[in-house]
Amino acid sequence: MSAKDLITQDFKGKLSEDRTQIILDFPKVVARVLRPLADKELIVRITEYKKKRSDAQNRWLWGVAYVTIAQFLKETQGEKHDKEAIHAHNLKVILGYTLEPTIIAGEEVFRVVGKTTSKLNTQEFSDMADKLVAYWAERGCEIPLPEDDNFFTDFVKEGDL
């Protein structure tokens, strides 16, 4: 790993109680990774660590939940909807998204107001997933709960979508 590769390297840690030191997780690993930057001027940026939704949660949403909902709507109502439309519907009814009209350069445009699923932390995403599963269950659509081994092919019949 070259020093060039380290330009945007992130490390997790905590600020000491007296706020004078940064205590990094896995300090020996950090020291090894930063060795090429010894005696170089650095810029250090501090941001609060917030866990974002996991890749597994995202795969479940798009690869299991939305595929299951699309199949349900096709089978029960004869409606074919893509995952983007289903996502927009769920953002509105589950997360309370609204559309806010505004004029830009004389043209009316609509801005989506609300926290995107990509900005949810793992707990917020989990809460949203519970609401999504309950919402669709009330309508007769059973969505498998998130698990590490969910794959959309486990829930879709061949040739259905």
C-alpha atoms as a PDB file:
ATOM      1  CA  MET A   1       0.000   0.000   0.000  1.00  0.00           C
ATOM      2  CA  SER A   2       1.489   3.305  -1.034  1.00  0.00           C
ATOM      3  CA  ALA A   3       1.118   6.652   0.707  1.00  0.00           C
ATOM      4  CA  LYS A   4      -1.036   7.746  -2.228  1.00  0.00           C
ATOM      5  CA  ASP A   5      -3.590   5.040  -1.316  1.00  0.00           C
ATOM      6  CA  LEU A   6      -3.929   6.508   2.180  1.00  0.00           C
ATOM      7  CA  ILE A   7      -5.161   9.960   1.192  1.00  0.00           C
ATOM      8  CA  THR A   8      -8.763   9.194   2.157  1.00  0.00           C
ATOM      9  CA  GLN A   9      -8.193   6.407   4.680  1.00  0.00           C
ATOM     10  CA  ASP A  10     -10.768   6.274   7.490  1.00  0.00           C
ATOM     11  CA  PHE A  11     -10.026   5.012  10.976  1.00  0.00           C
ATOM     12  CA  LYS A  12     -12.498   4.512  13.798  1.00  0.00           C
ATOM     13  CA  GLY A  13     -11.790   5.641  17.320  1.00  0.00           C
ATOM     14  CA  LYS A  14     -12.881   7.882  20.170  1.00  0.00           C
ATOM     15  CA  LEU A  15     -11.925  11.218  21.610  1.00  0.00           C
ATOM     16  CA  SER A  16     -10.420  10.986  25.078  1.00  0.00           C
ATOM     17  CA  GLU A  17     -12.511  12.255  27.971  1.00  0.00           C
ATOM     18  CA  ASP A  18     -10.314  15.342  28.319  1.00  0.00           C
ATOM     19  CA  ARG A  19     -10.610  15.853  24.512  1.00  0.00           C
ATOM     20  CA  THR A  20      -6.849  16.045  23.991  1.00  0.00           C
ATOM     21  CA  GLN A  21      -6.221  12.669  22.305  1.00  0.00           C
ATOM     22  CA  ILE A  22      -7.782  10.521  19.648  1.00  0.00           C
ATOM     23  CA  ILE A  23      -7.780   6.879  20.709  1.00  0.00           C
ATOM     24  CA  LEU A  24      -7.936   4.749  17.580  1.00  0.00           C
ATOM     25  CA  ASP A  25      -9.320   1.235  17.398  1.00  0.00           C
ATOM     26  CA  PHE A  26      -6.599  -1.295  16.516  1.00  0.00           C
ATOM     27  CA  PRO A  27      -3.679   1.104  17.024  1.00  0.00           C
ATOM     28  CA  LYS A  28      -0.999  -1.388  15.876  1.00  0.00           C
ATOM     29  CA  VAL A  29      -2.798  -1.889  12.573  1.00  0.00           C
ATOM     30  CA  VAL A  30      -3.249   1.860  12.138  1.00  0.00           C
ATOM     31  CA  ALA A  31       0.452   2.443  12.873  1.00  0.00           C
ATOM     32  CA  ARG A  32       1.423  -0.133  10.238  1.00  0.00           C
ATOM     33  CA  VAL A  33      -0.937   1.342   7.633  1.00  0.00           C
ATOM     34  CA  LEU A  34       0.263   4.883   8.307  1.00  0.00           C
ATOM     35  CA  ARG A  35       3.971   4.035   8.302  1.00  0.00           C
ATOM     36  CA  PRO A  36       4.534   5.479   4.781  1.00  0.00           C
ATOM     37  CA  LEU A  37       3.255   8.853   6.013  1.00  0.00           C
ATOM     38  CA  ALA A  38       5.723   9.213   8.878  1.00  0.00           C
ATOM     39  CA  ASP A  39       7.090  12.768   9.146  1.00  0.00           C
ATOM     40  CA  LYS A  40       4.699  14.089   6.470  1.00  0.00           C
ATOM     41  CA  GLU A  41       2.232  16.923   6.968  1.00  0.00           C
ATOM     42  CA  LEU A  42      -1.324  15.614   7.206  1.00  0.00           C
ATOM     43  CA  ILE A  43      -4.836  16.956   7.282  1.00  0.00           C
ATOM     44  CA  VAL A  44      -6.969  15.229   9.886  1.00  0.00           C
ATOM     45  CA  ARG A  45     -10.735  15.447   9.550  1.00  0.00           C
ATOM     46  CA  ILE A  46     -12.907  14.376  12.482  1.00  0.00           C
ATOM     47  CA  THR A  47     -16.518  13.313  11.988  1.00  0.00           C
ATOM     48  CA  GLU A  48     -18.901  11.515  14.269  1.00  0.00           C
ATOM     49  CA  TYR A  49     -19.163   7.828  13.427  1.00  0.00           C
ATOM     50  CA  LYS A  50     -22.659   6.778  12.452  1.00  0.00           C
ATOM     51  CA  LYS A  51     -23.366   3.288  11.301  1.00  0.00           C
ATOM     52  CA  LYS A  52     -25.052   3.325   7.906  1.00  0.00           C
ATOM     53  CA  ARG A  53     -27.317   0.628   6.634  1.00  0.00           C
ATOM     54  CA  SER A  54     -25.414  -2.489   5.744  1.00  0.00           C
ATOM     55  CA  ASP A  55     -24.896  -3.916   2.280  1.00  0.00           C
ATOM     56  CA  ALA A  56     -26.907  -6.959   3.406  1.00  0.00           C
ATOM     57  CA  GLN A  57     -29.832  -4.715   4.366  1.00  0.00           C
ATOM     58  CA  ASN A  58     -29.678  -2.994   0.988  1.00  0.00           C
ATOM     59  CA  ARG A  59     -29.550  -6.341  -0.836  1.00  0.00           C
ATOM     60  CA  TRP A  60     -32.588  -7.510   1.160  1.00  0.00           C
ATOM     61  CA  LEU A  61     -34.558  -4.338   0.326  1.00  0.00           C
ATOM     62  CA  TRP A  62     -33.900  -4.385  -3.416  1.00  0.00           C
ATOM     63  CA  GLY A  63     -33.337  -8.110  -3.991  1.00  0.00           C
ATOM     64  CA  VAL A  64     -35.954  -9.646  -1.700  1.00  0.00           C
ATOM     65  CA  ALA A  65     -38.543  -7.144  -0.448  1.00  0.00           C
ATOM     66  CA  TYR A  66     -39.113  -5.213  -3.669  1.00  0.00           C
ATOM     67  CA  VAL A  67     -39.002  -8.318  -5.854  1.00  0.00           C
ATOM     68  CA  THR A  68     -41.546 -10.000  -3.545  1.00  0.00           C
ATOM     69  CA  ILE A  69     -43.824  -6.931  -3.646  1.00  0.00           C
ATOM     70  CA  ALA A  70     -43.571  -6.719  -7.453  1.00  0.00           C
ATOM     71  CA  GLN A  71     -44.503 -10.373  -7.763  1.00  0.00           C
ATOM     72  CA  PHE A  72     -47.399  -9.952  -5.303  1.00  0.00           C
ATOM     73  CA  LEU A  73     -48.821  -6.957  -7.209  1.00  0.00           C
ATOM     74  CA  LYS A  74     -48.525  -8.827 -10.499  1.00  0.00           C
ATOM     75  CA  GLU A  75     -50.246 -11.947  -9.152  1.00  0.00           C
ATOM     76  CA  THR A  76     -52.999 -10.276  -7.131  1.00  0.00           C
ATOM     77  CA  GLN A  77     -53.787  -7.117  -9.087  1.00  0.00           C
ATOM     78  CA  GLY A  78     -52.381  -7.790 -12.528  1.00  0.00           C
ATOM     79  CA  GLU A  79     -50.161  -4.738 -12.111  1.00  0.00           C
ATOM     80  CA  LYS A  80     -46.555  -4.804 -13.203  1.00  0.00           C
ATOM     81  CA  HIS A  81     -44.375  -2.276 -11.382  1.00  0.00           C
ATOM     82  CA  ASP A  82     -40.624  -1.888 -11.422  1.00  0.00           C
ATOM     83  CA  LYS A  83     -38.596  -1.726  -8.234  1.00  0.00           C
ATOM     84  CA  GLU A  84     -38.074   2.055  -8.549  1.00  0.00           C
ATOM     85  CA  ALA A  85     -41.852   2.678  -8.473  1.00  0.00           C
ATOM     86  CA  ILE A  86     -42.246   0.307  -5.530  1.00  0.00           C
ATOM     87  CA  HIS A  87     -39.389   2.094  -3.774  1.00  0.00           C
ATOM     88  CA  ALA A  88     -41.073   5.491  -4.328  1.00  0.00           C
ATOM     89  CA  HIS A  89     -44.359   4.123  -2.957  1.00  0.00           C
ATOM     90  CA  ASN A  90     -42.648   2.733   0.129  1.00  0.00           C
ATOM     91  CA  LEU A  91     -40.739   5.965   0.725  1.00  0.00           C
ATOM     92  CA  LYS A  92     -44.058   7.796   0.783  1.00  0.00           C
ATOM     93  CA  VAL A  93     -46.097   5.412   2.928  1.00  0.00           C
ATOM     94  CA  ILE A  94     -43.372   3.996   5.204  1.00  0.00           C
ATOM     95  CA  LEU A  95     -40.980   6.935   5.642  1.00  0.00           C
ATOM     96  CA  GLY A  96     -43.446   9.767   5.033  1.00  0.00           C
ATOM     97  CA  TYR A  97     -41.727  11.316   2.017  1.00  0.00           C
ATOM     98  CA  THR A  98     -43.404  14.288   0.397  1.00  0.00           C
ATOM     99  CA  LEU A  99     -42.923  16.101  -2.877  1.00  0.00           C
ATOM    100  CA  GLU A 100     -42.193  19.800  -2.583  1.00  0.00           C
ATOM    101  CA  PRO A 101     -42.751  21.890  -5.722  1.00  0.00           C
ATOM    102  CA  THR A 102     -40.308  24.655  -6.509  1.00  0.00           C
ATOM    103  CA  ILE A 103     -39.528  26.830  -9.506  1.00  0.00           C
ATOM    104  CA  ILE A 104     -36.031  26.752 -10.998  1.00  0.00           C
ATOM    105  CA  ALA A 105     -35.280  28.874 -14.056  1.00  0.00           C
ATOM    106  CA  GLY A 106     -39.007  29.241 -14.716  1.00  0.00           C
ATOM    107  CA  GLU A 107     -39.644  25.485 -14.627  1.00  0.00           C
ATOM    108  CA  GLU A 108     -41.625  23.719 -11.937  1.00  0.00           C
ATOM    109  CA  VAL A 109     -39.739  20.794 -10.437  1.00  0.00           C
ATOM    110  CA  PHE A 110     -40.487  18.521  -7.495  1.00  0.00           C
ATOM    111  CA  ARG A 111     -37.998  17.826  -4.768  1.00  0.00           C
ATOM    112  CA  VAL A 112     -38.332  14.739  -2.605  1.00  0.00           C
ATOM    113  CA  VAL A 113     -38.321  15.724   1.067  1.00  0.00           C
ATOM    114  CA  GLY A 114     -37.289  13.038   3.524  1.00  0.00           C
ATOM    115  CA  LYS A 115     -34.348  10.911   4.622  1.00  0.00           C
ATOM    116  CA  THR A 116     -33.288   8.474   1.902  1.00  0.00           C
ATOM    117  CA  THR A 117     -32.849   4.818   2.776  1.00  0.00           C
ATOM    118  CA  SER A 118     -29.151   5.154   1.973  1.00  0.00           C
ATOM    119  CA  LYS A 119     -28.842   7.696   4.795  1.00  0.00           C
ATOM    120  CA  LEU A 120     -30.517   5.467   7.398  1.00  0.00           C
ATOM    121  CA  ASN A 121     -28.284   3.891  10.005  1.00  0.00           C
ATOM    122  CA  THR A 122     -28.608   0.156  10.614  1.00  0.00           C
ATOM    123  CA  GLN A 123     -31.183   0.595  13.421  1.00  0.00           C
ATOM    124  CA  GLU A 124     -33.286   3.078  11.451  1.00  0.00           C
ATOM    125  CA  PHE A 125     -33.166   0.763   8.459  1.00  0.00           C
ATOM    126  CA  SER A 126     -34.215  -2.172  10.633  1.00  0.00           C
ATOM    127  CA  ASP A 127     -37.166  -0.149  11.970  1.00  0.00           C
ATOM    128  CA  MET A 128     -38.124   0.834   8.416  1.00  0.00           C
ATOM    129  CA  ALA A 129     -37.892  -2.820   7.311  1.00  0.00           C
ATOM    130  CA  ASP A 130     -40.220  -3.879  10.147  1.00  0.00           C
ATOM    131  CA  LYS A 131     -42.755  -1.226   9.108  1.00  0.00           C
ATOM    132  CA  LEU A 132     -42.442  -2.233   5.452  1.00  0.00           C
ATOM    133  CA  VAL A 133     -43.017  -5.927   6.248  1.00  0.00           C
ATOM    134  CA  ALA A 134     -46.036  -5.063   8.457  1.00  0.00           C
ATOM    135  CA  TYR A 135     -47.513  -2.670   5.866  1.00  0.00           C
ATOM    136  CA  TRP A 136     -47.384  -5.241   3.106  1.00  0.00           C
ATOM    137  CA  ALA A 137     -48.503  -8.082   5.397  1.00  0.00           C
ATOM    138  CA  GLU A 138     -51.722  -6.109   6.055  1.00  0.00           C
ATOM    139  CA  ARG A 139     -52.306  -6.285   2.305  1.00  0.00           C
ATOM    140  CA  GLY A 140     -51.603 -10.022   2.101  1.00  0.00           C
ATOM    141  CA  CYS A 141     -48.006  -9.878   0.894  1.00  0.00           C
ATOM    142  CA  GLU A 142     -45.562 -11.876   2.986  1.00  0.00           C
ATOM    143  CA  ILE A 143     -42.033 -10.571   2.689  1.00  0.00           C
ATOM    144  CA  PRO A 144     -39.273 -12.807   4.086  1.00  0.00           C
ATOM    145  CA  LEU A 145     -37.453 -11.076   6.910  1.00  0.00           C
ATOM    146  CA  PRO A 146     -33.861  -9.984   6.330  1.00  0.00           C
ATOM    147  CA  GLU A 147     -31.360 -12.762   6.795  1.00  0.00           C
ATOM    148  CA  ASP A 148     -27.753 -13.107   5.735  1.00  0.00           C
ATOM    149  CA  ASP A 149     -28.629 -15.701   3.117  1.00  0.00           C
ATOM    150  CA  ASN A 150     -31.674 -14.088   1.430  1.00  0.00           C
ATOM    151  CA  PHE A 151     -31.416 -14.126  -2.332  1.00  0.00           C
ATOM    152  CA  PHE A 152     -34.155 -12.877  -4.624  1.00  0.00           C
ATOM    153  CA  THR A 153     -33.994 -16.126  -6.584  1.00  0.00           C
ATOM    154  CA  ASP A 154     -35.203 -17.960  -3.470  1.00  0.00           C
ATOM    155  CA  PHE A 155     -38.525 -16.118  -3.688  1.00  0.00           C
ATOM    156  CA  VAL A 156     -39.279 -15.632  -7.374  1.00  0.00           C
ATOM    157  CA  LYS A 157     -40.571 -18.288  -9.715  1.00  0.00           C
ATOM    158  CA  GLU A 158     -38.561 -18.767 -12.875  1.00  0.00           C
ATOM    159  CA  GLY A 159     -39.674 -16.390 -15.626  1.00  0.00           C
ATOM    160  CA  ASP A 160     -41.988 -14.330 -13.396  1.00  0.00           C
ATOM    161  CA  LEU A 161     -40.212 -10.980 -13.555  1.00  0.00           C
END
